[in-house]
Amino acid sequence: VLSYLSSIQLKNYGADVFIINILGLGIVRELGPIL
């Protein structure tokens, strides 16, 4: 879900490669422990 929603916005700005940063930091640092 996080990757799908983020990719919709990143496509609009041509920043597809930053999906790795969003998922990596978001999941490893915050979402993983909280979840």
PDB file of all heavy atoms in Angstrom:
ATOM      1  N   VAL A   1       0.827  -1.204   0.000  1.00  0.00           N
ATOM      2  CA  VAL A   1       0.000   0.000   0.000  1.00  0.00           C
ATOM      3  C   VAL A   1       0.864   1.257   0.000  1.00  0.00           C
ATOM      4  O   VAL A   1       0.613   2.213  -0.757  1.00  0.00           O
ATOM      5  CB  VAL A   1      -0.944  -0.016   1.222  1.00  0.00           C
ATOM      6  CG1 VAL A   1      -1.679   1.312   1.352  1.00  0.00           C
ATOM      7  CG2 VAL A   1      -1.942  -1.155   1.103  1.00  0.00           C
ATOM      8  N   LEU A   2       1.896   1.283   0.843  1.00  0.00           N
ATOM      9  CA  LEU A   2       2.761   2.461   0.912  1.00  0.00           C
ATOM     10  C   LEU A   2       3.481   2.698  -0.413  1.00  0.00           C
ATOM     11  O   LEU A   2       3.575   3.835  -0.893  1.00  0.00           O
ATOM     12  CB  LEU A   2       3.774   2.287   2.043  1.00  0.00           C
ATOM     13  CG  LEU A   2       4.751   3.440   2.262  1.00  0.00           C
ATOM     14  CD1 LEU A   2       4.011   4.707   2.641  1.00  0.00           C
ATOM     15  CD2 LEU A   2       5.763   3.076   3.350  1.00  0.00           C
ATOM     16  N   SER A   3       3.970   1.633  -1.015  1.00  0.00           N
ATOM     17  CA  SER A   3       4.672   1.770  -2.287  1.00  0.00           C
ATOM     18  C   SER A   3       3.717   2.214  -3.401  1.00  0.00           C
ATOM     19  O   SER A   3       4.060   3.067  -4.227  1.00  0.00           O
ATOM     20  CB  SER A   3       5.334   0.450  -2.664  1.00  0.00           C
ATOM     21  OG  SER A   3       5.959   0.538  -3.914  1.00  0.00           O
ATOM     22  N   TYR A   4       2.527   1.659  -3.396  1.00  0.00           N
ATOM     23  CA  TYR A   4       1.558   2.010  -4.445  1.00  0.00           C
ATOM     24  C   TYR A   4       1.159   3.483  -4.357  1.00  0.00           C
ATOM     25  O   TYR A   4       1.139   4.206  -5.360  1.00  0.00           O
ATOM     26  CB  TYR A   4       0.336   1.109  -4.322  1.00  0.00           C
ATOM     27  CG  TYR A   4      -0.770   1.442  -5.299  1.00  0.00           C
ATOM     28  CD1 TYR A   4      -0.679   1.077  -6.640  1.00  0.00           C
ATOM     29  CD2 TYR A   4      -1.892   2.142  -4.877  1.00  0.00           C
ATOM     30  CE1 TYR A   4      -1.684   1.400  -7.534  1.00  0.00           C
ATOM     31  CE2 TYR A   4      -2.905   2.459  -5.761  1.00  0.00           C
ATOM     32  CZ  TYR A   4      -2.798   2.085  -7.093  1.00  0.00           C
ATOM     33  OH  TYR A   4      -3.795   2.408  -7.974  1.00  0.00           O
ATOM     34  N   LEU A   5       0.841   3.948  -3.145  1.00  0.00           N
ATOM     35  CA  LEU A   5       0.416   5.340  -2.990  1.00  0.00           C
ATOM     36  C   LEU A   5       1.562   6.309  -3.260  1.00  0.00           C
ATOM     37  O   LEU A   5       1.355   7.387  -3.826  1.00  0.00           O
ATOM     38  CB  LEU A   5      -0.135   5.556  -1.575  1.00  0.00           C
ATOM     39  CG  LEU A   5      -1.419   4.789  -1.231  1.00  0.00           C
ATOM     40  CD1 LEU A   5      -1.822   5.049   0.204  1.00  0.00           C
ATOM     41  CD2 LEU A   5      -2.551   5.167  -2.177  1.00  0.00           C
ATOM     42  N   SER A   6       2.763   5.939  -2.838  1.00  0.00           N
ATOM     43  CA  SER A   6       3.911   6.827  -3.082  1.00  0.00           C
ATOM     44  C   SER A   6       4.254   6.909  -4.559  1.00  0.00           C
ATOM     45  O   SER A   6       4.624   7.971  -5.071  1.00  0.00           O
ATOM     46  CB  SER A   6       5.123   6.335  -2.283  1.00  0.00           C
ATOM     47  OG  SER A   6       4.851   6.312  -0.902  1.00  0.00           O
ATOM     48  N   SER A   7       4.136   5.789  -5.255  1.00  0.00           N
ATOM     49  CA  SER A   7       4.501   5.773  -6.673  1.00  0.00           C
ATOM     50  C   SER A   7       3.582   6.660  -7.499  1.00  0.00           C
ATOM     51  O   SER A   7       3.997   7.246  -8.504  1.00  0.00           O
ATOM     52  CB  SER A   7       4.465   4.340  -7.203  1.00  0.00           C
ATOM     53  OG  SER A   7       3.154   3.801  -7.123  1.00  0.00           O
ATOM     54  N   ILE A   8       2.312   6.797  -7.076  1.00  0.00           N
ATOM     55  CA  ILE A   8       1.388   7.653  -7.811  1.00  0.00           C
ATOM     56  C   ILE A   8       1.870   9.104  -7.794  1.00  0.00           C
ATOM     57  O   ILE A   8       1.821   9.819  -8.806  1.00  0.00           O
ATOM     58  CB  ILE A   8      -0.025   7.534  -7.215  1.00  0.00           C
ATOM     59  CG1 ILE A   8      -0.566   6.118  -7.422  1.00  0.00           C
ATOM     60  CG2 ILE A   8      -0.958   8.562  -7.847  1.00  0.00           C
ATOM     61  CD1 ILE A   8      -1.913   5.884  -6.773  1.00  0.00           C
ATOM     62  N   GLN A   9       2.356   9.566  -6.652  1.00  0.00           N
ATOM     63  CA  GLN A   9       2.844  10.937  -6.548  1.00  0.00           C
ATOM     64  C   GLN A   9       4.210  11.111  -7.202  1.00  0.00           C
ATOM     65  O   GLN A   9       4.488  12.139  -7.825  1.00  0.00           O
ATOM     66  CB  GLN A   9       2.916  11.345  -5.068  1.00  0.00           C
ATOM     67  CG  GLN A   9       1.581  11.283  -4.349  1.00  0.00           C
ATOM     68  CD  GLN A   9       0.557  12.215  -4.965  1.00  0.00           C
ATOM     69  OE1 GLN A   9       0.873  13.322  -5.380  1.00  0.00           O
ATOM     70  NE2 GLN A   9      -0.693  11.750  -5.026  1.00  0.00           N
ATOM     71  N   LEU A  10       5.086  10.116  -7.057  1.00  0.00           N
ATOM     72  CA  LEU A  10       6.429  10.248  -7.625  1.00  0.00           C
ATOM     73  C   LEU A  10       6.398  10.274  -9.146  1.00  0.00           C
ATOM     74  O   LEU A  10       7.256  10.901  -9.777  1.00  0.00           O
ATOM     75  CB  LEU A  10       7.309   9.095  -7.129  1.00  0.00           C
ATOM     76  CG  LEU A  10       7.639   9.107  -5.630  1.00  0.00           C
ATOM     77  CD1 LEU A  10       8.414   7.851  -5.250  1.00  0.00           C
ATOM     78  CD2 LEU A  10       8.438  10.347  -5.267  1.00  0.00           C
ATOM     79  N   LYS A  11       5.430   9.608  -9.748  1.00  0.00           N
ATOM     80  CA  LYS A  11       5.325   9.634 -11.206  1.00  0.00           C
ATOM     81  C   LYS A  11       5.086  11.051 -11.719  1.00  0.00           C
ATOM     82  O   LYS A  11       5.586  11.440 -12.780  1.00  0.00           O
ATOM     83  CB  LYS A  11       4.178   8.724 -11.662  1.00  0.00           C
ATOM     84  CG  LYS A  11       4.522   7.254 -11.733  1.00  0.00           C
ATOM     85  CD  LYS A  11       3.320   6.474 -12.259  1.00  0.00           C
ATOM     86  CE  LYS A  11       3.630   4.996 -12.373  1.00  0.00           C
ATOM     87  NZ  LYS A  11       2.457   4.229 -12.882  1.00  0.00           N
ATOM     88  N   ASN A  12       4.331  11.820 -10.961  1.00  0.00           N
ATOM     89  CA  ASN A  12       4.000  13.173 -11.409  1.00  0.00           C
ATOM     90  C   ASN A  12       5.227  14.081 -11.477  1.00  0.00           C
ATOM     91  O   ASN A  12       5.231  15.062 -12.226  1.00  0.00           O
ATOM     92  CB  ASN A  12       2.959  13.793 -10.465  1.00  0.00           C
ATOM     93  CG  ASN A  12       1.648  13.028 -10.486  1.00  0.00           C
ATOM     94  OD1 ASN A  12       1.291  12.422 -11.508  1.00  0.00           O
ATOM     95  ND2 ASN A  12       0.935  13.043  -9.376  1.00  0.00           N
ATOM     96  N   TYR A  13       6.252  13.792 -10.681  1.00  0.00           N
ATOM     97  CA  TYR A  13       7.443  14.630 -10.633  1.00  0.00           C
ATOM     98  C   TYR A  13       8.669  13.956 -11.260  1.00  0.00           C
ATOM     99  O   TYR A  13       9.776  14.494 -11.185  1.00  0.00           O
ATOM    100  CB  TYR A  13       7.760  15.008  -9.177  1.00  0.00           C
ATOM    101  CG  TYR A  13       6.658  15.795  -8.516  1.00  0.00           C
ATOM    102  CD1 TYR A  13       5.719  15.156  -7.712  1.00  0.00           C
ATOM    103  CD2 TYR A  13       6.541  17.170  -8.716  1.00  0.00           C
ATOM    104  CE1 TYR A  13       4.689  15.870  -7.111  1.00  0.00           C
ATOM    105  CE2 TYR A  13       5.512  17.889  -8.102  1.00  0.00           C
ATOM    106  CZ  TYR A  13       4.595  17.236  -7.302  1.00  0.00           C
ATOM    107  OH  TYR A  13       3.582  17.942  -6.712  1.00  0.00           O
ATOM    108  N   GLY A  14       8.485  12.788 -11.823  1.00  0.00           N
ATOM    109  CA  GLY A  14       9.605  12.091 -12.445  1.00  0.00           C
ATOM    110  C   GLY A  14      10.668  11.658 -11.455  1.00  0.00           C
ATOM    111  O   GLY A  14      11.841  11.571 -11.812  1.00  0.00           O
ATOM    112  N   ALA A  15      10.272  11.399 -10.220  1.00  0.00           N
ATOM    113  CA  ALA A  15      11.228  11.029  -9.157  1.00  0.00           C
ATOM    114  C   ALA A  15      11.004   9.580  -8.752  1.00  0.00           C
ATOM    115  O   ALA A  15      10.923   9.257  -7.562  1.00  0.00           O
ATOM    116  CB  ALA A  15      11.096  11.959  -7.969  1.00  0.00           C
ATOM    117  N   ASP A  16      10.920   8.695  -9.741  1.00  0.00           N
ATOM    118  CA  ASP A  16      10.601   7.298  -9.462  1.00  0.00           C
ATOM    119  C   ASP A  16      11.621   6.641  -8.540  1.00  0.00           C
ATOM    120  O   ASP A  16      11.272   5.832  -7.685  1.00  0.00           O
ATOM    121  CB  ASP A  16      10.514   6.507 -10.773  1.00  0.00           C
ATOM    122  CG  ASP A  16       9.412   7.032 -11.668  1.00  0.00           C
ATOM    123  OD1 ASP A  16       8.757   8.016 -11.271  1.00  0.00           O
ATOM    124  OD2 ASP A  16       9.218   6.467 -12.764  1.00  0.00           O
ATOM    125  N   VAL A  17      12.901   6.976  -8.696  1.00  0.00           N
ATOM    126  CA  VAL A  17      13.950   6.290  -7.960  1.00  0.00           C
ATOM    127  C   VAL A  17      13.877   6.568  -6.463  1.00  0.00           C
ATOM    128  O   VAL A  17      14.375   5.791  -5.642  1.00  0.00           O
ATOM    129  CB  VAL A  17      15.333   6.702  -8.515  1.00  0.00           C
ATOM    130  CG1 VAL A  17      15.665   8.147  -8.130  1.00  0.00           C
ATOM    131  CG2 VAL A  17      16.413   5.742  -8.027  1.00  0.00           C
ATOM    132  N   PHE A  18      13.223   7.655  -6.073  1.00  0.00           N
ATOM    133  CA  PHE A  18      13.148   7.989  -4.646  1.00  0.00           C
ATOM    134  C   PHE A  18      12.154   7.109  -3.893  1.00  0.00           C
ATOM    135  O   PHE A  18      12.007   7.264  -2.670  1.00  0.00           O
ATOM    136  CB  PHE A  18      12.777   9.463  -4.477  1.00  0.00           C
ATOM    137  CG  PHE A  18      13.882  10.405  -4.842  1.00  0.00           C
ATOM    138  CD1 PHE A  18      13.841  11.103  -6.038  1.00  0.00           C
ATOM    139  CD2 PHE A  18      14.977  10.578  -4.006  1.00  0.00           C
ATOM    140  CE1 PHE A  18      14.859  11.969  -6.384  1.00  0.00           C
ATOM    141  CE2 PHE A  18      15.999  11.441  -4.347  1.00  0.00           C
ATOM    142  CZ  PHE A  18      15.951  12.139  -5.550  1.00  0.00           C
ATOM    143  N   ILE A  19      11.490   6.216  -4.589  1.00  0.00           N
ATOM    144  CA  ILE A  19      10.640   5.259  -3.901  1.00  0.00           C
ATOM    145  C   ILE A  19      11.456   4.397  -2.954  1.00  0.00           C
ATOM    146  O   ILE A  19      10.972   3.955  -1.893  1.00  0.00           O
ATOM    147  CB  ILE A  19       9.873   4.389  -4.920  1.00  0.00           C
ATOM    148  CG1 ILE A  19       8.811   3.531  -4.234  1.00  0.00           C
ATOM    149  CG2 ILE A  19      10.830   3.505  -5.696  1.00  0.00           C
ATOM    150  CD1 ILE A  19       7.673   4.289  -3.664  1.00  0.00           C
ATOM    151  N   ILE A  20      12.713   4.163  -3.294  1.00  0.00           N
ATOM    152  CA  ILE A  20      13.586   3.363  -2.424  1.00  0.00           C
ATOM    153  C   ILE A  20      13.837   4.098  -1.114  1.00  0.00           C
ATOM    154  O   ILE A  20      13.790   3.503  -0.026  1.00  0.00           O
ATOM    155  CB  ILE A  20      14.909   3.053  -3.151  1.00  0.00           C
ATOM    156  CG1 ILE A  20      14.630   2.315  -4.466  1.00  0.00           C
ATOM    157  CG2 ILE A  20      15.838   2.232  -2.272  1.00  0.00           C
ATOM    158  CD1 ILE A  20      15.858   2.097  -5.322  1.00  0.00           C
ATOM    159  N   ASN A  21      14.100   5.393  -1.185  1.00  0.00           N
ATOM    160  CA  ASN A  21      14.326   6.174   0.038  1.00  0.00           C
ATOM    161  C   ASN A  21      13.082   6.219   0.912  1.00  0.00           C
ATOM    162  O   ASN A  21      13.164   6.079   2.137  1.00  0.00           O
ATOM    163  CB  ASN A  21      14.751   7.595  -0.330  1.00  0.00           C
ATOM    164  CG  ASN A  21      16.015   7.622  -1.160  1.00  0.00           C
ATOM    165  OD1 ASN A  21      16.039   7.113  -2.283  1.00  0.00           O
ATOM    166  ND2 ASN A  21      17.074   8.214  -0.643  1.00  0.00           N
ATOM    167  N   ILE A  22      11.940   6.432   0.280  1.00  0.00           N
ATOM    168  CA  ILE A  22      10.696   6.536   1.049  1.00  0.00           C
ATOM    169  C   ILE A  22      10.388   5.226   1.766  1.00  0.00           C
ATOM    170  O   ILE A  22      10.091   5.194   2.967  1.00  0.00           O
ATOM    171  CB  ILE A  22       9.543   6.951   0.131  1.00  0.00           C
ATOM    172  CG1 ILE A  22       9.762   8.372  -0.389  1.00  0.00           C
ATOM    173  CG2 ILE A  22       8.204   6.852   0.862  1.00  0.00           C
ATOM    174  CD1 ILE A  22       8.734   8.810  -1.400  1.00  0.00           C
ATOM    175  N   LEU A  23      10.463   4.137   1.013  1.00  0.00           N
ATOM    176  CA  LEU A  23      10.155   2.850   1.622  1.00  0.00           C
ATOM    177  C   LEU A  23      11.200   2.456   2.654  1.00  0.00           C
ATOM    178  O   LEU A  23      10.865   1.962   3.744  1.00  0.00           O
ATOM    179  CB  LEU A  23      10.064   1.771   0.539  1.00  0.00           C
ATOM    180  CG  LEU A  23       8.870   1.857  -0.417  1.00  0.00           C
ATOM    181  CD1 LEU A  23       8.963   0.771  -1.473  1.00  0.00           C
ATOM    182  CD2 LEU A  23       7.575   1.727   0.358  1.00  0.00           C
ATOM    183  N   GLY A  24      12.471   2.664   2.329  1.00  0.00           N
ATOM    184  CA  GLY A  24      13.537   2.255   3.242  1.00  0.00           C
ATOM    185  C   GLY A  24      13.454   2.980   4.580  1.00  0.00           C
ATOM    186  O   GLY A  24      13.385   2.353   5.644  1.00  0.00           O
ATOM    187  N   LEU A  25      13.449   4.320   4.530  1.00  0.00           N
ATOM    188  CA  LEU A  25      13.408   5.092   5.770  1.00  0.00           C
ATOM    189  C   LEU A  25      12.066   4.911   6.499  1.00  0.00           C
ATOM    190  O   LEU A  25      12.033   4.757   7.724  1.00  0.00           O
ATOM    191  CB  LEU A  25      13.646   6.573   5.483  1.00  0.00           C
ATOM    192  CG  LEU A  25      15.106   6.979   5.233  1.00  0.00           C
ATOM    193  CD1 LEU A  25      15.176   8.440   4.829  1.00  0.00           C
ATOM    194  CD2 LEU A  25      15.942   6.735   6.478  1.00  0.00           C
ATOM    195  N   GLY A  26      10.985   4.946   5.746  1.00  0.00           N
ATOM    196  CA  GLY A  26       9.669   4.849   6.382  1.00  0.00           C
ATOM    197  C   GLY A  26       9.443   3.529   7.087  1.00  0.00           C
ATOM    198  O   GLY A  26       8.928   3.490   8.205  1.00  0.00           O
ATOM    199  N   ILE A  27       9.852   2.434   6.433  1.00  0.00           N
ATOM    200  CA  ILE A  27       9.606   1.109   7.004  1.00  0.00           C
ATOM    201  C   ILE A  27      10.628   0.774   8.078  1.00  0.00           C
ATOM    202  O   ILE A  27      10.267   0.367   9.195  1.00  0.00           O
ATOM    203  CB  ILE A  27       9.595   0.053   5.888  1.00  0.00           C
ATOM    204  CG1 ILE A  27       8.361   0.242   5.005  1.00  0.00           C
ATOM    205  CG2 ILE A  27       9.621  -1.348   6.474  1.00  0.00           C
ATOM    206  CD1 ILE A  27       8.328  -0.649   3.785  1.00  0.00           C
ATOM    207  N   VAL A  28      11.913   0.937   7.773  1.00  0.00           N
ATOM    208  CA  VAL A  28      12.946   0.510   8.716  1.00  0.00           C
ATOM    209  C   VAL A  28      12.953   1.383   9.966  1.00  0.00           C
ATOM    210  O   VAL A  28      13.078   0.879  11.089  1.00  0.00           O
ATOM    211  CB  VAL A  28      14.332   0.532   8.028  1.00  0.00           C
ATOM    212  CG1 VAL A  28      15.437   0.236   9.044  1.00  0.00           C
ATOM    213  CG2 VAL A  28      14.362  -0.482   6.901  1.00  0.00           C
ATOM    214  N   ARG A  29      12.787   2.675   9.800  1.00  0.00           N
ATOM    215  CA  ARG A  29      12.926   3.581  10.944  1.00  0.00           C
ATOM    216  C   ARG A  29      11.634   3.709  11.757  1.00  0.00           C
ATOM    217  O   ARG A  29      11.696   3.765  12.993  1.00  0.00           O
ATOM    218  CB  ARG A  29      13.355   4.965  10.438  1.00  0.00           C
ATOM    219  CG  ARG A  29      13.704   5.949  11.564  1.00  0.00           C
ATOM    220  CD  ARG A  29      14.080   7.296  10.995  1.00  0.00           C
ATOM    221  NE  ARG A  29      14.375   8.255  12.042  1.00  0.00           N
ATOM    222  CZ  ARG A  29      15.586   8.527  12.509  1.00  0.00           C
ATOM    223  NH1 ARG A  29      16.645   7.892  12.011  1.00  0.00           N
ATOM    224  NH2 ARG A  29      15.748   9.411  13.467  1.00  0.00           N
ATOM    225  N   GLU A  30      10.462   3.767  11.108  1.00  0.00           N
ATOM    226  CA  GLU A  30       9.240   4.068  11.833  1.00  0.00           C
ATOM    227  C   GLU A  30       8.175   2.972  11.728  1.00  0.00           C
ATOM    228  O   GLU A  30       7.718   2.451  12.731  1.00  0.00           O
ATOM    229  CB  GLU A  30       8.651   5.397  11.339  1.00  0.00           C
ATOM    230  CG  GLU A  30       9.470   6.612  11.708  1.00  0.00           C
ATOM    231  CD  GLU A  30       9.561   6.830  13.209  1.00  0.00           C
ATOM    232  OE1 GLU A  30       8.625   6.413  13.923  1.00  0.00           O
ATOM    233  OE2 GLU A  30      10.560   7.394  13.675  1.00  0.00           O
ATOM    234  N   LEU A  31       7.758   2.650  10.508  1.00  0.00           N
ATOM    235  CA  LEU A  31       6.619   1.761  10.356  1.00  0.00           C
ATOM    236  C   LEU A  31       6.880   0.362  10.891  1.00  0.00           C
ATOM    237  O   LEU A  31       5.991  -0.247  11.504  1.00  0.00           O
ATOM    238  CB  LEU A  31       6.209   1.678   8.883  1.00  0.00           C
ATOM    239  CG  LEU A  31       5.409   2.864   8.338  1.00  0.00           C
ATOM    240  CD1 LEU A  31       5.074   2.640   6.883  1.00  0.00           C
ATOM    241  CD2 LEU A  31       4.140   3.058   9.146  1.00  0.00           C
ATOM    242  N   GLY A  32       8.079  -0.153  10.679  1.00  0.00           N
ATOM    243  CA  GLY A  32       8.395  -1.500  11.164  1.00  0.00           C
ATOM    244  C   GLY A  32       8.245  -1.635  12.668  1.00  0.00           C
ATOM    245  O   GLY A  32       7.503  -2.503  13.157  1.00  0.00           O
ATOM    246  N   PRO A  33       8.938  -0.796  13.465  1.00  0.00           N
ATOM    247  CA  PRO A  33       8.780  -0.905  14.925  1.00  0.00           C
ATOM    248  C   PRO A  33       7.358  -0.655  15.413  1.00  0.00           C
ATOM    249  O   PRO A  33       6.854  -1.388  16.274  1.00  0.00           O
ATOM    250  CB  PRO A  33       9.751   0.170  15.448  1.00  0.00           C
ATOM    251  CG  PRO A  33      10.734   0.373  14.361  1.00  0.00           C
ATOM    252  CD  PRO A  33       9.998   0.148  13.089  1.00  0.00           C
ATOM    253  N   ILE A  34       6.708   0.391  14.869  1.00  0.00           N
ATOM    254  CA  ILE A  34       5.347   0.696  15.311  1.00  0.00           C
ATOM    255  C   ILE A  34       4.395  -0.442  14.963  1.00  0.00           C
ATOM    256  O   ILE A  34       3.561  -0.868  15.778  1.00  0.00           O
ATOM    257  CB  ILE A  34       4.874   2.010  14.679  1.00  0.00           C
ATOM    258  CG1 ILE A  34       5.537   3.197  15.354  1.00  0.00           C
ATOM    259  CG2 ILE A  34       3.369   2.157  14.767  1.00  0.00           C
ATOM    260  CD1 ILE A  34       5.054   3.461  16.754  1.00  0.00           C
ATOM    261  N   LEU A  35       4.503  -0.944  13.734  1.00  0.00           N
ATOM    262  CA  LEU A  35       3.604  -1.998  13.286  1.00  0.00           C
ATOM    263  C   LEU A  35       3.766  -3.255  14.128  1.00  0.00           C
ATOM    264  O   LEU A  35       2.787  -3.831  14.612  1.00  0.00           O
ATOM    265  CB  LEU A  35       3.879  -2.305  11.814  1.00  0.00           C
ATOM    266  CG  LEU A  35       2.958  -3.295  11.124  1.00  0.00           C
ATOM    267  CD1 LEU A  35       1.563  -2.721  11.049  1.00  0.00           C
ATOM    268  CD2 LEU A  35       3.479  -3.618   9.732  1.00  0.00           C
TER     269      LEU A  35
END
